[in-house]
N, C-alpha and C. Protein backbone atom coordinates (compact mmCIF):
# COMPACT_ATOMS: atom_id res chain seq x y z
N ILE A 1 91.87 -33.28 -11.40
CA ILE A 1 90.68 -34.02 -11.82
C ILE A 1 89.53 -33.04 -12.07
N GLN A 2 89.43 -32.01 -11.22
CA GLN A 2 88.35 -31.03 -11.40
C GLN A 2 88.54 -30.25 -12.70
N ILE A 3 89.76 -29.93 -13.05
CA ILE A 3 90.05 -29.21 -14.30
C ILE A 3 89.69 -30.10 -15.49
N ALA A 4 90.01 -31.39 -15.38
CA ALA A 4 89.68 -32.32 -16.46
C ALA A 4 88.17 -32.42 -16.63
N ARG A 5 87.42 -32.42 -15.51
CA ARG A 5 85.97 -32.46 -15.59
C ARG A 5 85.43 -31.19 -16.26
N CYS A 6 85.99 -30.04 -15.90
CA CYS A 6 85.56 -28.77 -16.52
C CYS A 6 85.85 -28.79 -18.02
N PHE A 7 87.03 -29.27 -18.40
CA PHE A 7 87.36 -29.36 -19.83
C PHE A 7 86.40 -30.30 -20.54
N GLU A 8 86.09 -31.45 -19.92
CA GLU A 8 85.17 -32.40 -20.54
C GLU A 8 83.77 -31.80 -20.68
N ALA A 9 83.29 -31.08 -19.65
CA ALA A 9 81.97 -30.43 -19.71
C ALA A 9 81.97 -29.36 -20.81
N THR A 10 83.05 -28.61 -20.91
CA THR A 10 83.15 -27.59 -21.95
C THR A 10 83.19 -28.23 -23.34
N ARG A 11 83.95 -29.33 -23.46
CA ARG A 11 84.02 -30.02 -24.75
C ARG A 11 82.65 -30.55 -25.15
N GLN A 12 81.89 -31.13 -24.21
CA GLN A 12 80.56 -31.64 -24.50
C GLN A 12 79.61 -30.49 -24.90
N ARG A 13 79.72 -29.35 -24.20
CA ARG A 13 78.89 -28.19 -24.54
C ARG A 13 79.23 -27.70 -25.95
N CYS A 14 80.50 -27.68 -26.28
CA CYS A 14 80.91 -27.26 -27.63
C CYS A 14 80.37 -28.21 -28.69
N CYS A 15 80.41 -29.51 -28.38
CA CYS A 15 79.88 -30.50 -29.33
C CYS A 15 78.38 -30.29 -29.53
N ARG A 16 77.64 -30.04 -28.43
CA ARG A 16 76.20 -29.78 -28.56
C ARG A 16 75.94 -28.51 -29.36
N LEU A 17 76.71 -27.47 -29.09
CA LEU A 17 76.53 -26.21 -29.82
C LEU A 17 76.85 -26.38 -31.30
N GLU A 18 77.88 -27.16 -31.58
CA GLU A 18 78.24 -27.43 -32.98
C GLU A 18 77.13 -28.21 -33.68
N GLN A 19 76.57 -29.18 -33.00
CA GLN A 19 75.46 -29.96 -33.56
C GLN A 19 74.23 -29.06 -33.74
N ASP A 20 73.93 -28.22 -32.75
CA ASP A 20 72.81 -27.27 -32.89
C ASP A 20 73.03 -26.33 -34.07
N GLY A 21 74.27 -25.89 -34.26
CA GLY A 21 74.60 -25.01 -35.39
C GLY A 21 74.37 -25.71 -36.73
N ARG A 22 74.77 -26.98 -36.81
CA ARG A 22 74.55 -27.75 -38.04
C ARG A 22 73.06 -27.90 -38.33
N GLN A 23 72.30 -28.23 -37.29
CA GLN A 23 70.85 -28.38 -37.46
C GLN A 23 70.21 -27.06 -37.88
N ALA A 24 70.68 -25.96 -37.28
CA ALA A 24 70.14 -24.64 -37.65
C ALA A 24 70.47 -24.30 -39.10
N ARG A 25 71.69 -24.62 -39.55
CA ARG A 25 72.07 -24.35 -40.94
C ARG A 25 71.24 -25.20 -41.90
N GLU A 26 71.00 -26.48 -41.53
CA GLU A 26 70.17 -27.34 -42.36
C GLU A 26 68.73 -26.82 -42.44
N GLN A 27 68.21 -26.40 -41.30
CA GLN A 27 66.85 -25.84 -41.29
C GLN A 27 66.80 -24.56 -42.11
N LEU A 28 67.81 -23.72 -42.00
CA LEU A 28 67.87 -22.49 -42.79
C LEU A 28 67.89 -22.81 -44.28
N ALA A 29 68.65 -23.82 -44.67
CA ALA A 29 68.71 -24.21 -46.09
C ALA A 29 67.35 -24.68 -46.57
N ARG A 30 66.65 -25.47 -45.73
CA ARG A 30 65.31 -25.94 -46.11
C ARG A 30 64.34 -24.77 -46.25
N VAL A 31 64.39 -23.87 -45.30
CA VAL A 31 63.48 -22.72 -45.32
C VAL A 31 63.79 -21.81 -46.51
N GLU A 32 65.06 -21.62 -46.82
CA GLU A 32 65.45 -20.80 -47.98
C GLU A 32 64.96 -21.44 -49.28
N ALA A 33 65.06 -22.75 -49.38
CA ALA A 33 64.57 -23.44 -50.58
C ALA A 33 63.06 -23.29 -50.69
N GLU A 34 62.36 -23.42 -49.57
CA GLU A 34 60.91 -23.24 -49.57
C GLU A 34 60.52 -21.81 -49.94
N ARG A 35 61.27 -20.85 -49.40
CA ARG A 35 61.01 -19.44 -49.72
C ARG A 35 61.21 -19.18 -51.22
N ALA A 36 62.27 -19.73 -51.77
CA ALA A 36 62.54 -19.55 -53.19
C ALA A 36 61.41 -20.14 -54.04
N ALA A 37 60.93 -21.33 -53.64
CA ALA A 37 59.83 -21.96 -54.37
C ALA A 37 58.56 -21.11 -54.26
N LEU A 38 58.30 -20.56 -53.09
CA LEU A 38 57.12 -19.71 -52.91
C LEU A 38 57.24 -18.40 -53.70
N GLU A 39 58.45 -17.87 -53.80
CA GLU A 39 58.65 -16.66 -54.61
C GLU A 39 58.37 -16.94 -56.09
N VAL A 40 58.77 -18.11 -56.55
CA VAL A 40 58.49 -18.48 -57.95
C VAL A 40 56.98 -18.59 -58.16
N LYS A 41 56.29 -19.22 -57.20
CA LYS A 41 54.83 -19.34 -57.31
C LYS A 41 54.18 -17.97 -57.28
N LEU A 42 54.67 -17.08 -56.43
CA LEU A 42 54.13 -15.72 -56.35
C LEU A 42 54.33 -14.98 -57.66
N LYS A 43 55.49 -15.13 -58.25
CA LYS A 43 55.77 -14.47 -59.53
C LYS A 43 54.82 -14.98 -60.62
N HIS A 44 54.61 -16.29 -60.65
CA HIS A 44 53.69 -16.87 -61.64
C HIS A 44 52.26 -16.39 -61.39
N ALA A 45 51.87 -16.34 -60.13
CA ALA A 45 50.51 -15.88 -59.80
C ALA A 45 50.33 -14.42 -60.19
N ARG A 46 51.32 -13.58 -59.93
CA ARG A 46 51.23 -12.16 -60.31
C ARG A 46 51.11 -12.02 -61.83
N ASN A 47 51.92 -12.80 -62.54
CA ASN A 47 51.85 -12.74 -64.00
C ASN A 47 50.48 -13.19 -64.50
N GLN A 48 49.94 -14.24 -63.91
CA GLN A 48 48.63 -14.74 -64.31
C GLN A 48 47.54 -13.70 -64.03
N VAL A 49 47.61 -13.06 -62.87
CA VAL A 49 46.63 -12.02 -62.54
C VAL A 49 46.73 -10.88 -63.54
N GLU A 50 47.94 -10.50 -63.89
CA GLU A 50 48.14 -9.42 -64.85
C GLU A 50 47.54 -9.79 -66.21
N VAL A 51 47.78 -11.02 -66.65
CA VAL A 51 47.23 -11.49 -67.93
C VAL A 51 45.70 -11.48 -67.88
N GLU A 52 45.14 -11.98 -66.79
CA GLU A 52 43.69 -12.03 -66.66
C GLU A 52 43.08 -10.62 -66.60
N MET A 53 43.76 -9.70 -65.95
CA MET A 53 43.25 -8.33 -65.89
C MET A 53 43.27 -7.69 -67.28
N LYS A 54 44.31 -7.96 -68.05
CA LYS A 54 44.36 -7.43 -69.41
C LYS A 54 43.23 -8.01 -70.25
N LYS A 55 42.99 -9.33 -70.11
CA LYS A 55 41.88 -9.96 -70.83
C LYS A 55 40.56 -9.34 -70.43
N ARG A 56 40.38 -9.10 -69.15
CA ARG A 56 39.14 -8.51 -68.66
C ARG A 56 38.94 -7.10 -69.24
N HIS A 57 40.00 -6.31 -69.23
CA HIS A 57 39.89 -4.95 -69.77
C HIS A 57 39.54 -4.98 -71.26
N ARG A 58 40.16 -5.91 -71.99
CA ARG A 58 39.83 -6.02 -73.42
C ARG A 58 38.38 -6.45 -73.61
N ALA A 59 37.94 -7.42 -72.80
CA ALA A 59 36.56 -7.89 -72.90
C ALA A 59 35.58 -6.78 -72.53
N GLU A 60 35.90 -6.00 -71.51
CA GLU A 60 35.02 -4.90 -71.12
C GLU A 60 34.96 -3.84 -72.21
N ALA A 61 36.10 -3.56 -72.85
CA ALA A 61 36.11 -2.58 -73.93
C ALA A 61 35.25 -3.08 -75.10
N GLU A 62 35.37 -4.36 -75.43
CA GLU A 62 34.56 -4.95 -76.50
C GLU A 62 33.09 -4.92 -76.13
N LEU A 63 32.78 -5.22 -74.88
CA LEU A 63 31.40 -5.18 -74.40
C LEU A 63 30.82 -3.78 -74.54
N GLU A 64 31.58 -2.78 -74.14
CA GLU A 64 31.09 -1.40 -74.26
C GLU A 64 30.86 -1.03 -75.73
N LYS A 65 31.75 -1.49 -76.58
CA LYS A 65 31.58 -1.21 -78.02
C LYS A 65 30.30 -1.86 -78.54
N GLN A 66 30.07 -3.12 -78.16
CA GLN A 66 28.86 -3.82 -78.59
C GLN A 66 27.60 -3.17 -78.00
N GLU A 67 27.69 -2.72 -76.75
CA GLU A 67 26.54 -2.05 -76.13
C GLU A 67 26.21 -0.75 -76.86
N ARG A 68 27.24 0.01 -77.24
CA ARG A 68 27.00 1.25 -77.99
C ARG A 68 26.33 0.96 -79.32
N THR A 69 26.80 -0.09 -79.99
CA THR A 69 26.20 -0.47 -81.26
C THR A 69 24.74 -0.88 -81.06
N LEU A 70 24.50 -1.68 -80.05
CA LEU A 70 23.14 -2.12 -79.75
C LEU A 70 22.25 -0.92 -79.43
N GLN A 71 22.76 0.01 -78.65
CA GLN A 71 21.97 1.19 -78.31
C GLN A 71 21.67 2.02 -79.54
N LEU A 72 22.65 2.17 -80.43
CA LEU A 72 22.41 2.94 -81.66
C LEU A 72 21.32 2.29 -82.51
N VAL A 73 21.37 0.97 -82.62
CA VAL A 73 20.34 0.25 -83.38
C VAL A 73 18.98 0.43 -82.72
N PHE A 74 18.93 0.28 -81.42
CA PHE A 74 17.68 0.43 -80.68
C PHE A 74 17.12 1.85 -80.87
N ASP A 75 18.00 2.85 -80.68
CA ASP A 75 17.55 4.24 -80.84
C ASP A 75 17.05 4.49 -82.25
N SER A 76 17.78 3.93 -83.22
CA SER A 76 17.38 4.12 -84.61
C SER A 76 16.02 3.49 -84.88
N LEU A 77 15.82 2.28 -84.37
CA LEU A 77 14.54 1.61 -84.58
C LEU A 77 13.39 2.32 -83.88
N MET A 78 13.64 2.88 -82.73
CA MET A 78 12.57 3.46 -81.94
C MET A 78 12.26 4.91 -82.30
N ARG A 79 13.25 5.66 -82.82
CA ARG A 79 13.04 7.10 -82.97
C ARG A 79 12.95 7.60 -84.42
N GLU A 80 13.48 6.86 -85.32
CA GLU A 80 13.48 7.33 -86.71
C GLU A 80 12.07 7.25 -87.29
N PRO A 81 11.69 8.28 -88.06
CA PRO A 81 10.35 8.27 -88.64
C PRO A 81 10.14 7.11 -89.62
N TRP A 82 11.17 6.70 -90.33
CA TRP A 82 11.00 5.62 -91.30
C TRP A 82 10.81 4.28 -90.63
N SER A 83 11.18 4.17 -89.33
CA SER A 83 11.06 2.88 -88.66
C SER A 83 9.61 2.48 -88.44
N SER A 84 8.71 3.44 -88.45
CA SER A 84 7.31 3.09 -88.26
C SER A 84 6.82 2.18 -89.39
N GLY A 85 7.41 2.34 -90.58
CA GLY A 85 7.05 1.46 -91.70
C GLY A 85 7.75 0.12 -91.61
N VAL A 86 8.90 0.06 -90.95
CA VAL A 86 9.69 -1.16 -90.85
C VAL A 86 9.18 -2.03 -89.70
N LEU A 87 8.86 -1.40 -88.58
CA LEU A 87 8.41 -2.15 -87.41
C LEU A 87 6.90 -2.02 -87.25
N SER A 88 6.28 -3.10 -86.93
CA SER A 88 4.85 -3.05 -86.63
C SER A 88 4.68 -2.45 -85.24
N GLU A 89 3.47 -2.06 -84.94
CA GLU A 89 3.20 -1.50 -83.61
C GLU A 89 3.48 -2.53 -82.52
N GLU A 90 3.19 -3.79 -82.83
CA GLU A 90 3.46 -4.86 -81.86
C GLU A 90 4.95 -4.99 -81.60
N GLN A 91 5.75 -4.94 -82.66
CA GLN A 91 7.21 -5.03 -82.50
C GLN A 91 7.74 -3.85 -81.70
N ARG A 92 7.23 -2.67 -81.96
CA ARG A 92 7.66 -1.48 -81.21
C ARG A 92 7.29 -1.61 -79.74
N SER A 93 6.10 -2.11 -79.46
CA SER A 93 5.68 -2.25 -78.06
C SER A 93 6.52 -3.30 -77.35
N VAL A 94 6.88 -4.38 -78.07
CA VAL A 94 7.74 -5.40 -77.48
C VAL A 94 9.11 -4.81 -77.16
N LEU A 95 9.67 -4.04 -78.07
CA LEU A 95 10.96 -3.40 -77.82
C LEU A 95 10.89 -2.45 -76.63
N CYS A 96 9.83 -1.68 -76.55
CA CYS A 96 9.66 -0.75 -75.43
C CYS A 96 9.52 -1.53 -74.12
N ALA A 97 8.76 -2.61 -74.16
CA ALA A 97 8.57 -3.41 -72.95
C ALA A 97 9.89 -4.03 -72.50
N LEU A 98 10.65 -4.55 -73.45
CA LEU A 98 11.95 -5.12 -73.11
C LEU A 98 12.87 -4.05 -72.53
N ALA A 99 12.84 -2.87 -73.09
CA ALA A 99 13.69 -1.79 -72.61
C ALA A 99 13.31 -1.38 -71.20
N SER A 100 12.02 -1.40 -70.88
CA SER A 100 11.60 -0.96 -69.54
C SER A 100 11.74 -2.07 -68.51
N ARG A 101 11.54 -3.34 -68.89
CA ARG A 101 11.63 -4.44 -67.94
C ARG A 101 13.06 -4.88 -67.68
N CYS A 102 13.91 -4.76 -68.65
CA CYS A 102 15.30 -5.22 -68.53
C CYS A 102 16.23 -4.04 -68.71
N PRO A 103 16.46 -3.26 -67.66
CA PRO A 103 17.29 -2.07 -67.84
C PRO A 103 18.69 -2.40 -68.31
N GLY A 104 19.16 -3.62 -68.13
CA GLY A 104 20.48 -3.99 -68.61
C GLY A 104 20.54 -4.19 -70.11
N THR A 105 19.37 -4.22 -70.77
CA THR A 105 19.38 -4.47 -72.21
C THR A 105 19.58 -3.18 -73.00
N THR A 106 19.36 -2.06 -72.38
CA THR A 106 19.64 -0.81 -73.07
C THR A 106 20.92 -0.24 -72.51
N LEU A 107 21.63 0.44 -73.35
CA LEU A 107 22.93 0.95 -72.94
C LEU A 107 22.78 2.24 -72.18
N VAL A 108 23.29 2.22 -71.01
CA VAL A 108 23.50 3.45 -70.27
C VAL A 108 24.99 3.41 -69.96
N PRO A 109 25.72 4.47 -70.28
CA PRO A 109 27.17 4.40 -70.08
C PRO A 109 27.52 3.92 -68.67
N GLY A 110 28.41 2.95 -68.61
CA GLY A 110 28.83 2.40 -67.34
C GLY A 110 28.00 1.20 -66.90
N ARG A 111 26.91 0.92 -67.54
CA ARG A 111 26.07 -0.23 -67.20
C ARG A 111 26.48 -1.40 -68.08
N ARG A 112 26.30 -2.62 -67.59
CA ARG A 112 26.76 -3.80 -68.32
C ARG A 112 25.62 -4.71 -68.72
N LEU A 113 25.78 -5.34 -69.88
CA LEU A 113 24.96 -6.49 -70.23
C LEU A 113 25.73 -7.69 -69.72
N SER A 114 25.09 -8.53 -68.94
CA SER A 114 25.85 -9.63 -68.39
C SER A 114 24.93 -10.76 -67.98
N ALA A 115 25.43 -11.97 -68.14
CA ALA A 115 24.69 -13.13 -67.66
C ALA A 115 24.95 -13.32 -66.17
N VAL A 116 25.96 -12.66 -65.66
CA VAL A 116 26.32 -12.77 -64.25
C VAL A 116 25.68 -11.62 -63.50
N ASN A 117 25.03 -11.91 -62.40
CA ASN A 117 24.45 -10.86 -61.58
C ASN A 117 25.57 -10.13 -60.86
N GLU A 118 25.77 -8.88 -61.20
CA GLU A 118 26.86 -8.11 -60.63
C GLU A 118 26.35 -7.11 -59.61
N SER A 119 25.18 -7.36 -59.03
CA SER A 119 24.64 -6.43 -58.06
C SER A 119 25.46 -6.43 -56.78
N CYS A 120 26.13 -7.53 -56.48
CA CYS A 120 26.98 -7.61 -55.29
C CYS A 120 28.42 -7.58 -55.75
N GLN A 121 29.22 -6.79 -55.06
CA GLN A 121 30.64 -6.73 -55.40
C GLN A 121 31.31 -8.03 -55.01
N SER A 122 32.22 -8.49 -55.82
CA SER A 122 32.99 -9.68 -55.50
C SER A 122 33.89 -9.39 -54.31
N LEU A 123 34.08 -10.38 -53.48
CA LEU A 123 34.98 -10.21 -52.35
C LEU A 123 36.42 -10.05 -52.81
N LEU A 124 36.73 -10.58 -53.98
CA LEU A 124 38.07 -10.48 -54.51
C LEU A 124 38.05 -9.66 -55.80
N SER A 125 37.52 -8.48 -55.72
CA SER A 125 37.43 -7.62 -56.88
C SER A 125 38.82 -7.29 -57.39
N HIS A 126 38.96 -7.19 -58.71
CA HIS A 126 40.27 -6.91 -59.29
C HIS A 126 40.80 -5.57 -58.83
N SER A 127 39.92 -4.63 -58.44
CA SER A 127 40.39 -3.33 -57.99
C SER A 127 40.99 -3.40 -56.59
N ASP A 128 40.75 -4.49 -55.86
CA ASP A 128 41.30 -4.63 -54.51
C ASP A 128 42.68 -5.26 -54.52
N ILE A 129 43.12 -5.75 -55.64
CA ILE A 129 44.39 -6.46 -55.70
C ILE A 129 45.52 -5.45 -55.74
N SER A 130 46.46 -5.61 -54.86
CA SER A 130 47.60 -4.71 -54.79
C SER A 130 48.80 -5.39 -55.44
N PHE A 131 49.53 -4.63 -56.21
CA PHE A 131 50.71 -5.16 -56.86
C PHE A 131 51.95 -4.49 -56.30
N ASP A 132 52.02 -4.39 -54.98
CA ASP A 132 53.16 -3.77 -54.33
C ASP A 132 54.34 -4.71 -54.47
N ARG A 133 55.31 -4.30 -55.25
CA ARG A 133 56.47 -5.16 -55.50
C ARG A 133 57.68 -4.70 -54.69
N THR A 134 57.49 -3.88 -53.69
CA THR A 134 58.61 -3.40 -52.90
C THR A 134 59.32 -4.55 -52.19
N GLU A 135 58.58 -5.60 -51.82
CA GLU A 135 59.19 -6.74 -51.16
C GLU A 135 60.11 -7.49 -52.12
N ASP A 136 59.85 -7.38 -53.41
CA ASP A 136 60.69 -8.05 -54.40
C ASP A 136 62.06 -7.39 -54.50
N ASP A 137 62.12 -6.11 -54.12
CA ASP A 137 63.35 -5.35 -54.29
C ASP A 137 64.25 -5.40 -53.07
N VAL A 138 63.86 -6.10 -52.03
CA VAL A 138 64.65 -6.17 -50.81
C VAL A 138 65.95 -6.90 -51.14
N VAL A 139 67.06 -6.27 -50.76
CA VAL A 139 68.36 -6.88 -51.01
C VAL A 139 68.58 -7.96 -49.97
N ARG A 140 68.89 -9.13 -50.44
CA ARG A 140 69.11 -10.25 -49.53
C ARG A 140 70.61 -10.45 -49.36
N SER A 141 70.96 -10.77 -48.14
CA SER A 141 72.38 -10.99 -47.88
C SER A 141 72.76 -12.44 -47.91
């Protein structure tokens, strides 16, 4: 009778372990599916950030080009001897006043014309974003 009780206790423990194993496999499948979905979202987010960074670089290059053009026009208007006949003294003084009051309106290399106040660095600056893809290369078993 004692041997039968031990066998029954062992059988019940095996049944519990088998049930625990099934639950663990089901949980693993759910977590793997969630991980796969999150990896897809991460891939899309990385691609979007890359696209936005390219757009930003193109916009910054265009901005610098426009600033150089603006500076050339400003310099030409302010310094050329023939401009004294084109611009009145009032117009020249207005241009000088604008140049001195709004330092962002004249081009200094590396300075920006912007409607956005960039005096404070963004907490999520594009230069802080890391594209370490080493985790993508991990071999999964």
